[in-house]
Amino acid sequence: MTLDWIYHRKNCNTCQKAQDFLEAKKIQPGELVDARKVRLSEADALKLAGSADQLYATKGTKLVHFDLHKDKPADETLLSLMIGPSGNLRAPTLRVGKTLLVGFNEEAYEKVLG
């Protein structure tokens, strides 16, 4: 299992939950991107989604899954799941191969990262 990269923000509760999960599973990201220093815009988010086959996004307590290879939703739907109130990519976001995990949901992390 290779975790390509994680986009996170220090002092973020959700990012800390993701980090704790990764540490418990002894998973090291290939690249750690600080969301406070590197801003990823809507265009960046769509490009990222375009390179993925699967998307798991957590919005509140709801988990949404899309098979982007078979049934890609409209850009507006993707952006509503991937972009936060700041207008940038939500943190944490993880890329594992061709799968994106946006937000933290233990069930989705367990499924993808085992």
C-alpha atoms as a PDB file:
ATOM      1  CA  MET A   1       0.000   0.000   0.000  1.00  0.00           C
ATOM      2  CA  THR A   2       1.485   3.309  -1.088  1.00  0.00           C
ATOM      3  CA  LEU A   3       0.069   6.600   0.090  1.00  0.00           C
ATOM      4  CA  ASP A   4       1.224   8.999  -2.624  1.00  0.00           C
ATOM      5  CA  TRP A   5       0.535  12.228  -0.783  1.00  0.00           C
ATOM      6  CA  ILE A   6      -1.515  13.926   1.867  1.00  0.00           C
ATOM      7  CA  TYR A   7      -2.701  17.520   1.743  1.00  0.00           C
ATOM      8  CA  HIS A   8      -3.170  18.655   5.343  1.00  0.00           C
ATOM      9  CA  ARG A   9      -3.295  21.660   7.622  1.00  0.00           C
ATOM     10  CA  LYS A  10      -1.602  21.863  11.020  1.00  0.00           C
ATOM     11  CA  ASN A  11      -3.880  22.460  14.014  1.00  0.00           C
ATOM     12  CA  CYS A  12      -6.878  21.052  12.115  1.00  0.00           C
ATOM     13  CA  ASN A  13      -8.887  18.496  14.114  1.00  0.00           C
ATOM     14  CA  THR A  14      -9.925  16.502  11.061  1.00  0.00           C
ATOM     15  CA  CYS A  15      -6.372  16.472   9.703  1.00  0.00           C
ATOM     16  CA  GLN A  16      -5.164  15.259  13.097  1.00  0.00           C
ATOM     17  CA  LYS A  17      -7.668  12.382  13.021  1.00  0.00           C
ATOM     18  CA  ALA A  18      -6.358  11.397   9.596  1.00  0.00           C
ATOM     19  CA  GLN A  19      -2.771  11.632  10.846  1.00  0.00           C
ATOM     20  CA  ASP A  20      -3.591   9.503  13.907  1.00  0.00           C
ATOM     21  CA  PHE A  21      -5.175   6.849  11.681  1.00  0.00           C
ATOM     22  CA  LEU A  22      -2.101   6.752   9.434  1.00  0.00           C
ATOM     23  CA  GLU A  23       0.253   6.521  12.407  1.00  0.00           C
ATOM     24  CA  ALA A  24      -1.786   3.693  13.962  1.00  0.00           C
ATOM     25  CA  LYS A  25      -1.570   1.769  10.658  1.00  0.00           C
ATOM     26  CA  LYS A  26       2.119   2.701  10.265  1.00  0.00           C
ATOM     27  CA  ILE A  27       1.480   4.297   6.874  1.00  0.00           C
ATOM     28  CA  GLN A  28       3.901   6.972   5.698  1.00  0.00           C
ATOM     29  CA  PRO A  29       2.918   9.360   2.904  1.00  0.00           C
ATOM     30  CA  GLY A  30       5.256   9.746  -0.043  1.00  0.00           C
ATOM     31  CA  GLU A  31       4.711  13.508   0.119  1.00  0.00           C
ATOM     32  CA  LEU A  32       3.257  15.756   2.793  1.00  0.00           C
ATOM     33  CA  VAL A  33       1.785  19.033   1.485  1.00  0.00           C
ATOM     34  CA  ASP A  34       0.995  21.834   3.942  1.00  0.00           C
ATOM     35  CA  ALA A  35      -2.358  23.390   2.986  1.00  0.00           C
ATOM     36  CA  ARG A  36      -1.368  26.669   4.638  1.00  0.00           C
ATOM     37  CA  LYS A  37       1.624  27.069   2.334  1.00  0.00           C
ATOM     38  CA  VAL A  38       0.331  25.457  -0.870  1.00  0.00           C
ATOM     39  CA  ARG A  39      -3.131  26.547  -1.981  1.00  0.00           C
ATOM     40  CA  LEU A  40      -4.865  24.210  -4.424  1.00  0.00           C
ATOM     41  CA  SER A  41      -7.647  25.937  -6.351  1.00  0.00           C
ATOM     42  CA  GLU A  42     -10.814  24.662  -8.035  1.00  0.00           C
ATOM     43  CA  ALA A  43      -8.855  24.045 -11.236  1.00  0.00           C
ATOM     44  CA  ASP A  44      -6.266  22.048  -9.276  1.00  0.00           C
ATOM     45  CA  ALA A  45      -9.034  20.017  -7.602  1.00  0.00           C
ATOM     46  CA  LEU A  46     -10.634  19.182 -10.955  1.00  0.00           C
ATOM     47  CA  LYS A  47      -7.262  18.179 -12.367  1.00  0.00           C
ATOM     48  CA  LEU A  48      -6.699  15.953  -9.348  1.00  0.00           C
ATOM     49  CA  ALA A  49     -10.143  14.359  -9.777  1.00  0.00           C
ATOM     50  CA  GLY A  50      -9.410  13.867 -13.471  1.00  0.00           C
ATOM     51  CA  SER A  51      -6.399  11.728 -12.590  1.00  0.00           C
ATOM     52  CA  ALA A  52      -8.411   9.514 -10.204  1.00  0.00           C
ATOM     53  CA  ASP A  53     -10.673   6.510 -10.724  1.00  0.00           C
ATOM     54  CA  GLN A  54     -12.319   6.588  -7.278  1.00  0.00           C
ATOM     55  CA  LEU A  55     -13.372   9.452  -5.002  1.00  0.00           C
ATOM     56  CA  TYR A  56     -14.447   9.137  -1.384  1.00  0.00           C
ATOM     57  CA  ALA A  57     -15.562  12.420   0.156  1.00  0.00           C
ATOM     58  CA  THR A  58     -16.877  13.114   3.623  1.00  0.00           C
ATOM     59  CA  LYS A  59     -19.264  16.003   4.052  1.00  0.00           C
ATOM     60  CA  GLY A  60     -20.316  16.279   7.703  1.00  0.00           C
ATOM     61  CA  THR A  61     -21.174  12.712   8.706  1.00  0.00           C
ATOM     62  CA  LYS A  62     -22.110  11.644   5.170  1.00  0.00           C
ATOM     63  CA  LEU A  63     -19.702   9.605   3.032  1.00  0.00           C
ATOM     64  CA  VAL A  64     -20.044   9.903  -0.745  1.00  0.00           C
ATOM     65  CA  HIS A  65     -18.332   7.555  -3.202  1.00  0.00           C
ATOM     66  CA  PHE A  66     -17.965   8.013  -6.955  1.00  0.00           C
ATOM     67  CA  ASP A  67     -16.426   5.662  -9.482  1.00  0.00           C
ATOM     68  CA  LEU A  68     -14.979   8.440 -11.644  1.00  0.00           C
ATOM     69  CA  HIS A  69     -13.929   6.006 -14.336  1.00  0.00           C
ATOM     70  CA  LYS A  70     -17.502   4.763 -14.917  1.00  0.00           C
ATOM     71  CA  ASP A  71     -19.815   7.531 -13.735  1.00  0.00           C
ATOM     72  CA  LYS A  72     -18.106  10.907 -13.358  1.00  0.00           C
ATOM     73  CA  PRO A  73     -20.372  13.557 -11.816  1.00  0.00           C
ATOM     74  CA  ALA A  74     -20.576  17.145 -13.044  1.00  0.00           C
ATOM     75  CA  ASP A  75     -17.703  19.466 -12.148  1.00  0.00           C
ATOM     76  CA  GLU A  76     -20.007  21.438  -9.824  1.00  0.00           C
ATOM     77  CA  THR A  77     -20.736  18.273  -7.819  1.00  0.00           C
ATOM     78  CA  LEU A  78     -17.046  17.421  -7.566  1.00  0.00           C
ATOM     79  CA  LEU A  79     -16.176  20.956  -6.483  1.00  0.00           C
ATOM     80  CA  SER A  80     -18.910  20.978  -3.829  1.00  0.00           C
ATOM     81  CA  LEU A  81     -17.245  17.910  -2.283  1.00  0.00           C
ATOM     82  CA  MET A  82     -13.609  18.886  -2.767  1.00  0.00           C
ATOM     83  CA  ILE A  83     -13.485  22.645  -2.142  1.00  0.00           C
ATOM     84  CA  GLY A  84     -13.810  24.130   1.330  1.00  0.00           C
ATOM     85  CA  PRO A  85     -15.174  27.500   2.456  1.00  0.00           C
ATOM     86  CA  SER A  86     -11.803  29.139   1.730  1.00  0.00           C
ATOM     87  CA  GLY A  87     -12.187  28.309  -1.973  1.00  0.00           C
ATOM     88  CA  ASN A  88      -9.279  25.860  -1.823  1.00  0.00           C
ATOM     89  CA  LEU A  89      -9.010  22.079  -1.748  1.00  0.00           C
ATOM     90  CA  ARG A  90     -10.300  20.671   1.531  1.00  0.00           C
ATOM     91  CA  ALA A  91      -7.838  19.245   3.995  1.00  0.00           C
ATOM     92  CA  PRO A  92      -7.156  16.475   4.601  1.00  0.00           C
ATOM     93  CA  THR A  93      -7.069  15.056   1.095  1.00  0.00           C
ATOM     94  CA  LEU A  94      -5.136  11.878   0.376  1.00  0.00           C
ATOM     95  CA  ARG A  95      -4.142  10.322  -2.933  1.00  0.00           C
ATOM     96  CA  VAL A  96      -3.624   6.581  -2.856  1.00  0.00           C
ATOM     97  CA  GLY A  97      -2.841   5.394  -6.372  1.00  0.00           C
ATOM     98  CA  LYS A  98      -5.923   6.297  -8.425  1.00  0.00           C
ATOM     99  CA  THR A  99      -8.106   6.901  -5.338  1.00  0.00           C
ATOM    100  CA  LEU A 100      -8.805  10.227  -3.626  1.00  0.00           C
ATOM    101  CA  LEU A 101      -9.978  10.542  -0.035  1.00  0.00           C
ATOM    102  CA  VAL A 102     -11.357  13.999   0.808  1.00  0.00           C
ATOM    103  CA  GLY A 103     -12.021  14.720   4.462  1.00  0.00           C
ATOM    104  CA  PHE A 104     -11.741  12.045   7.135  1.00  0.00           C
ATOM    105  CA  ASN A 105     -14.015   9.042   7.420  1.00  0.00           C
ATOM    106  CA  GLU A 106     -12.621   6.053   9.292  1.00  0.00           C
ATOM    107  CA  GLU A 107     -14.716   3.587   7.258  1.00  0.00           C
ATOM    108  CA  ALA A 108     -13.399   4.941   3.946  1.00  0.00           C
ATOM    109  CA  TYR A 109      -9.808   5.072   5.231  1.00  0.00           C
ATOM    110  CA  GLU A 110     -10.107   1.485   6.446  1.00  0.00           C
ATOM    111  CA  LYS A 111     -11.488   0.357   3.101  1.00  0.00           C
ATOM    112  CA  VAL A 112      -8.821   2.089   1.015  1.00  0.00           C
ATOM    113  CA  LEU A 113      -5.815   1.925   3.359  1.00  0.00           C
ATOM    114  CA  GLY A 114      -6.753  -1.217   5.303  1.00  0.00           C
END
